[in-house]
Amino acid sequence: MNELLRGIQAEDGAAVAVADIPKAVTAARLVYGDGATQLFTVDGRTTYSERGGDSAGEWYVDDDGRFCSFWPPSYRACYVLRWMVEDGRIVGLRFTGLRDGVTFDGRYQ
């Protein structure tokens, strides 16, 4: 288990506590089902990589305690984050868009 996640008691499908969002997203690179990857850094930057191309954006926790991302010049989205846990081990994050309800899973690499 990643050191950043040590001590977090998580159940599969449970919402990530607001205080744990920064640890959850920066614990490791995430790999999505389509092979794309995403890296979140502690300074609020993110890089999404797919098919050899990278997109740079920003992430933050808004005033309502929601995880959000911003992709210049104008795309902004907020998500509910839920833990993915297998055999008692945190293996990734499930993102559900607040605007559209679309869900996607990212597994820690």
N, C-alpha and C. Protein backbone atom coordinates (compact mmCIF):
# COMPACT_ATOMS: atom_id res chain seq x y z
N MET A 1 0.85 -1.18 0.00
CA MET A 1 0.00 0.00 0.00
C MET A 1 0.89 1.24 0.00
N ASN A 2 0.45 2.22 -0.71
CA ASN A 2 1.17 3.49 -0.77
C ASN A 2 1.21 4.14 0.61
N GLU A 3 2.33 4.74 0.96
CA GLU A 3 2.49 5.40 2.26
C GLU A 3 1.45 6.47 2.51
N LEU A 4 1.04 7.21 1.49
CA LEU A 4 0.05 8.26 1.68
C LEU A 4 -1.30 7.71 2.14
N LEU A 5 -1.57 6.45 1.82
CA LEU A 5 -2.85 5.85 2.16
C LEU A 5 -2.82 5.06 3.46
N ARG A 6 -1.64 4.91 4.04
CA ARG A 6 -1.51 4.15 5.28
C ARG A 6 -2.37 4.80 6.37
N GLY A 7 -3.11 3.97 7.06
CA GLY A 7 -3.96 4.46 8.14
C GLY A 7 -5.36 4.83 7.71
N ILE A 8 -5.62 4.91 6.42
CA ILE A 8 -6.98 5.21 5.95
C ILE A 8 -7.78 3.91 5.97
N GLN A 9 -8.90 3.94 6.67
CA GLN A 9 -9.80 2.79 6.71
C GLN A 9 -10.86 3.01 5.64
N ALA A 10 -10.82 2.22 4.59
CA ALA A 10 -11.75 2.42 3.48
C ALA A 10 -12.49 1.13 3.17
N GLU A 11 -13.72 1.29 2.76
CA GLU A 11 -14.52 0.17 2.29
C GLU A 11 -14.83 0.41 0.82
N ASP A 12 -14.95 -0.67 0.07
CA ASP A 12 -15.23 -0.55 -1.35
C ASP A 12 -16.53 0.22 -1.55
N GLY A 13 -16.47 1.27 -2.37
CA GLY A 13 -17.63 2.07 -2.69
C GLY A 13 -17.91 3.20 -1.73
N ALA A 14 -17.16 3.28 -0.63
CA ALA A 14 -17.37 4.36 0.34
C ALA A 14 -16.82 5.67 -0.21
N ALA A 15 -17.51 6.75 0.11
CA ALA A 15 -17.04 8.07 -0.33
C ALA A 15 -15.70 8.40 0.33
N VAL A 16 -14.82 9.03 -0.43
CA VAL A 16 -13.54 9.49 0.11
C VAL A 16 -13.84 10.74 0.96
N ALA A 17 -13.38 10.73 2.21
CA ALA A 17 -13.59 11.89 3.09
C ALA A 17 -12.86 13.10 2.51
N VAL A 18 -13.45 14.27 2.69
CA VAL A 18 -12.86 15.50 2.15
C VAL A 18 -11.39 15.63 2.55
N ALA A 19 -11.08 15.35 3.80
CA ALA A 19 -9.70 15.48 4.28
C ALA A 19 -8.75 14.51 3.58
N ASP A 20 -9.28 13.40 3.05
CA ASP A 20 -8.44 12.39 2.40
C ASP A 20 -8.32 12.57 0.90
N ILE A 21 -9.07 13.49 0.31
CA ILE A 21 -9.03 13.66 -1.15
C ILE A 21 -7.61 13.95 -1.65
N PRO A 22 -6.86 14.90 -1.07
CA PRO A 22 -5.51 15.13 -1.59
C PRO A 22 -4.62 13.88 -1.54
N LYS A 23 -4.70 13.12 -0.47
CA LYS A 23 -3.92 11.88 -0.37
C LYS A 23 -4.37 10.88 -1.42
N ALA A 24 -5.69 10.75 -1.58
CA ALA A 24 -6.25 9.76 -2.50
C ALA A 24 -5.81 10.00 -3.93
N VAL A 25 -5.88 11.25 -4.39
CA VAL A 25 -5.57 11.50 -5.80
C VAL A 25 -4.07 11.56 -6.07
N THR A 26 -3.26 11.88 -5.09
CA THR A 26 -1.81 11.99 -5.32
C THR A 26 -1.03 10.74 -4.91
N ALA A 27 -1.72 9.70 -4.44
CA ALA A 27 -1.04 8.50 -3.95
C ALA A 27 -0.21 7.80 -5.02
N ALA A 28 -0.70 7.79 -6.24
CA ALA A 28 0.01 7.12 -7.35
C ALA A 28 -0.67 7.48 -8.65
N ARG A 29 0.01 7.21 -9.74
CA ARG A 29 -0.59 7.39 -11.07
C ARG A 29 -1.81 6.48 -11.16
N LEU A 30 -2.86 6.97 -11.81
CA LEU A 30 -4.07 6.18 -12.03
C LEU A 30 -4.11 5.68 -13.46
N VAL A 31 -4.55 4.45 -13.63
CA VAL A 31 -4.72 3.85 -14.95
C VAL A 31 -6.20 3.57 -15.13
N TYR A 32 -6.76 4.05 -16.24
CA TYR A 32 -8.18 3.88 -16.54
C TYR A 32 -8.40 2.68 -17.44
N GLY A 33 -9.63 2.25 -17.55
CA GLY A 33 -9.98 1.06 -18.31
C GLY A 33 -9.58 1.10 -19.77
N ASP A 34 -9.50 2.30 -20.35
CA ASP A 34 -9.12 2.42 -21.76
C ASP A 34 -7.62 2.54 -21.96
N GLY A 35 -6.85 2.41 -20.86
CA GLY A 35 -5.39 2.48 -20.95
C GLY A 35 -4.82 3.86 -20.71
N ALA A 36 -5.66 4.89 -20.68
CA ALA A 36 -5.18 6.24 -20.38
C ALA A 36 -4.69 6.28 -18.93
N THR A 37 -3.77 7.19 -18.65
CA THR A 37 -3.26 7.36 -17.30
C THR A 37 -3.40 8.81 -16.87
N GLN A 38 -3.38 9.02 -15.56
CA GLN A 38 -3.45 10.38 -15.04
C GLN A 38 -2.62 10.47 -13.78
N LEU A 39 -1.85 11.54 -13.71
CA LEU A 39 -1.02 11.82 -12.55
C LEU A 39 -1.47 13.13 -11.94
N PHE A 40 -1.75 13.10 -10.64
CA PHE A 40 -2.10 14.29 -9.88
C PHE A 40 -0.93 14.61 -8.96
N THR A 41 -0.51 15.86 -8.90
CA THR A 41 0.60 16.23 -8.02
C THR A 41 0.09 17.09 -6.87
N VAL A 42 0.87 17.14 -5.79
CA VAL A 42 0.44 17.84 -4.58
C VAL A 42 0.27 19.34 -4.80
N ASP A 43 0.87 19.89 -5.85
CA ASP A 43 0.74 21.33 -6.11
C ASP A 43 -0.50 21.68 -6.93
N GLY A 44 -1.41 20.72 -7.13
CA GLY A 44 -2.66 20.99 -7.82
C GLY A 44 -2.62 20.85 -9.32
N ARG A 45 -1.58 20.23 -9.84
CA ARG A 45 -1.50 19.99 -11.29
C ARG A 45 -1.89 18.55 -11.61
N THR A 46 -2.33 18.35 -12.83
CA THR A 46 -2.63 17.00 -13.29
C THR A 46 -2.25 16.87 -14.76
N THR A 47 -1.82 15.68 -15.13
CA THR A 47 -1.51 15.37 -16.52
C THR A 47 -2.25 14.10 -16.89
N TYR A 48 -3.06 14.20 -17.93
CA TYR A 48 -3.82 13.07 -18.47
C TYR A 48 -3.11 12.64 -19.74
N SER A 49 -2.80 11.35 -19.83
CA SER A 49 -2.05 10.85 -20.99
C SER A 49 -2.82 9.73 -21.67
N GLU A 50 -2.97 9.87 -22.98
CA GLU A 50 -3.60 8.81 -23.76
C GLU A 50 -3.04 8.81 -25.18
N ARG A 51 -2.83 7.60 -25.70
CA ARG A 51 -2.35 7.43 -27.07
C ARG A 51 -1.17 8.33 -27.41
N GLY A 52 -0.24 8.47 -26.48
CA GLY A 52 0.97 9.22 -26.73
C GLY A 52 0.86 10.72 -26.56
N GLY A 53 -0.32 11.22 -26.22
CA GLY A 53 -0.50 12.66 -26.03
C GLY A 53 -0.82 13.00 -24.59
N ASP A 54 -0.38 14.16 -24.16
CA ASP A 54 -0.62 14.62 -22.79
C ASP A 54 -1.48 15.87 -22.78
N SER A 55 -2.35 15.96 -21.77
CA SER A 55 -3.15 17.16 -21.53
C SER A 55 -2.87 17.62 -20.11
N ALA A 56 -2.57 18.90 -19.95
CA ALA A 56 -2.27 19.45 -18.63
C ALA A 56 -3.48 20.19 -18.08
N GLY A 57 -3.76 19.96 -16.81
CA GLY A 57 -4.87 20.62 -16.15
C GLY A 57 -4.55 20.90 -14.70
N GLU A 58 -5.58 21.21 -13.95
CA GLU A 58 -5.44 21.50 -12.52
C GLU A 58 -6.52 20.74 -11.77
N TRP A 59 -6.26 20.44 -10.51
CA TRP A 59 -7.27 19.83 -9.65
C TRP A 59 -7.32 20.60 -8.35
N TYR A 60 -8.48 20.52 -7.68
CA TYR A 60 -8.64 21.21 -6.41
C TYR A 60 -9.86 20.65 -5.69
N VAL A 61 -9.96 20.97 -4.41
CA VAL A 61 -11.15 20.67 -3.63
C VAL A 61 -11.87 22.00 -3.46
N ASP A 62 -13.13 22.06 -3.92
CA ASP A 62 -13.84 23.34 -3.88
C ASP A 62 -14.37 23.66 -2.48
N ASP A 63 -15.01 24.80 -2.34
CA ASP A 63 -15.50 25.26 -1.04
C ASP A 63 -16.58 24.34 -0.45
N ASP A 64 -17.18 23.51 -1.29
CA ASP A 64 -18.19 22.56 -0.82
C ASP A 64 -17.59 21.18 -0.54
N GLY A 65 -16.25 21.07 -0.61
CA GLY A 65 -15.57 19.81 -0.32
C GLY A 65 -15.63 18.79 -1.43
N ARG A 66 -15.84 19.27 -2.66
CA ARG A 66 -15.91 18.37 -3.82
C ARG A 66 -14.59 18.39 -4.58
N PHE A 67 -14.21 17.23 -5.12
CA PHE A 67 -13.03 17.14 -5.97
C PHE A 67 -13.41 17.68 -7.35
N CYS A 68 -12.61 18.60 -7.87
CA CYS A 68 -12.89 19.21 -9.17
C CYS A 68 -11.61 19.27 -10.00
N SER A 69 -11.79 19.35 -11.30
CA SER A 69 -10.65 19.54 -12.20
C SER A 69 -10.98 20.63 -13.20
N PHE A 70 -9.93 21.26 -13.68
CA PHE A 70 -10.05 22.34 -14.65
C PHE A 70 -9.09 22.05 -15.79
N TRP A 71 -9.61 22.11 -17.02
CA TRP A 71 -8.81 21.89 -18.22
C TRP A 71 -8.94 23.13 -19.08
N PRO A 72 -7.85 23.89 -19.20
CA PRO A 72 -7.90 25.13 -20.00
C PRO A 72 -8.33 24.84 -21.43
N PRO A 73 -9.04 25.76 -22.04
CA PRO A 73 -9.28 27.09 -21.50
C PRO A 73 -10.51 27.21 -20.60
N SER A 74 -11.49 26.26 -20.68
CA SER A 74 -12.72 26.54 -19.94
C SER A 74 -13.45 25.33 -19.36
N TYR A 75 -12.93 24.12 -19.54
CA TYR A 75 -13.67 22.95 -19.06
C TYR A 75 -13.42 22.73 -17.57
N ARG A 76 -14.49 22.68 -16.81
CA ARG A 76 -14.41 22.45 -15.37
C ARG A 76 -15.43 21.37 -15.02
N ALA A 77 -15.04 20.42 -14.17
CA ALA A 77 -15.96 19.35 -13.75
C ALA A 77 -15.67 18.97 -12.31
N CYS A 78 -16.71 18.56 -11.59
CA CYS A 78 -16.56 18.12 -10.21
C CYS A 78 -17.09 16.69 -10.11
N TYR A 79 -16.53 15.94 -9.17
CA TYR A 79 -16.81 14.52 -9.05
C TYR A 79 -17.01 14.10 -7.60
N VAL A 80 -17.81 13.05 -7.42
CA VAL A 80 -17.83 12.31 -6.17
C VAL A 80 -16.72 11.27 -6.32
N LEU A 81 -15.88 11.15 -5.30
CA LEU A 81 -14.81 10.14 -5.31
C LEU A 81 -15.18 9.03 -4.34
N ARG A 82 -15.04 7.80 -4.81
CA ARG A 82 -15.29 6.63 -3.97
C ARG A 82 -14.08 5.70 -4.05
N TRP A 83 -13.82 5.04 -2.94
CA TRP A 83 -12.70 4.10 -2.89
C TRP A 83 -13.01 2.83 -3.66
N MET A 84 -11.98 2.26 -4.27
CA MET A 84 -12.04 0.91 -4.82
C MET A 84 -11.15 0.07 -3.91
N VAL A 85 -11.74 -0.93 -3.27
CA VAL A 85 -11.03 -1.77 -2.31
C VAL A 85 -11.21 -3.23 -2.70
N GLU A 86 -10.10 -3.96 -2.74
CA GLU A 86 -10.14 -5.39 -3.04
C GLU A 86 -9.32 -6.12 -1.99
N ASP A 87 -9.89 -7.15 -1.41
CA ASP A 87 -9.20 -7.94 -0.38
C ASP A 87 -8.63 -7.07 0.72
N GLY A 88 -9.39 -6.04 1.12
CA GLY A 88 -8.97 -5.17 2.20
C GLY A 88 -7.92 -4.14 1.83
N ARG A 89 -7.58 -4.05 0.55
CA ARG A 89 -6.52 -3.15 0.09
C ARG A 89 -7.10 -2.11 -0.86
N ILE A 90 -6.74 -0.84 -0.64
CA ILE A 90 -7.19 0.23 -1.54
C ILE A 90 -6.45 0.09 -2.86
N VAL A 91 -7.20 -0.06 -3.96
CA VAL A 91 -6.58 -0.29 -5.26
C VAL A 91 -6.85 0.83 -6.25
N GLY A 92 -7.73 1.79 -5.89
CA GLY A 92 -8.00 2.86 -6.83
C GLY A 92 -9.15 3.73 -6.39
N LEU A 93 -9.61 4.54 -7.34
CA LEU A 93 -10.68 5.50 -7.10
C LEU A 93 -11.74 5.41 -8.19
N ARG A 94 -12.98 5.58 -7.78
CA ARG A 94 -14.10 5.64 -8.72
C ARG A 94 -14.58 7.09 -8.75
N PHE A 95 -14.64 7.67 -9.92
CA PHE A 95 -15.06 9.05 -10.13
C PHE A 95 -16.46 9.05 -10.72
N THR A 96 -17.38 9.84 -10.15
CA THR A 96 -18.71 10.00 -10.71
C THR A 96 -18.95 11.49 -10.92
N GLY A 97 -19.18 11.87 -12.16
CA GLY A 97 -19.39 13.28 -12.50
C GLY A 97 -20.67 13.81 -11.87
N LEU A 98 -20.57 14.95 -11.21
CA LEU A 98 -21.74 15.55 -10.60
C LEU A 98 -22.72 16.08 -11.64
N ARG A 99 -22.20 16.51 -12.76
CA ARG A 99 -23.05 17.09 -13.81
C ARG A 99 -23.76 16.02 -14.63
N ASP A 100 -23.02 14.97 -15.00
CA ASP A 100 -23.58 13.99 -15.94
C ASP A 100 -23.78 12.59 -15.36
N GLY A 101 -23.26 12.32 -14.16
CA GLY A 101 -23.41 11.01 -13.54
C GLY A 101 -22.55 9.92 -14.13
N VAL A 102 -21.70 10.26 -15.10
CA VAL A 102 -20.82 9.27 -15.72
C VAL A 102 -19.77 8.82 -14.70
N THR A 103 -19.57 7.51 -14.63
CA THR A 103 -18.62 6.93 -13.68
C THR A 103 -17.46 6.28 -14.42
N PHE A 104 -16.25 6.49 -13.91
CA PHE A 104 -15.08 5.80 -14.44
C PHE A 104 -14.14 5.47 -13.30
N ASP A 105 -13.42 4.36 -13.48
CA ASP A 105 -12.53 3.84 -12.44
C ASP A 105 -11.08 4.07 -12.82
N GLY A 106 -10.29 4.46 -11.82
CA GLY A 106 -8.85 4.59 -11.98
C GLY A 106 -8.16 3.72 -10.96
N ARG A 107 -7.30 2.83 -11.44
CA ARG A 107 -6.55 1.93 -10.55
C ARG A 107 -5.16 2.48 -10.34
N TYR A 108 -4.70 2.41 -9.08
CA TYR A 108 -3.35 2.87 -8.79
C TYR A 108 -2.33 2.00 -9.52
N GLN A 109 -1.34 2.63 -10.12
CA GLN A 109 -0.31 1.91 -10.86
C GLN A 109 0.84 1.60 -9.94
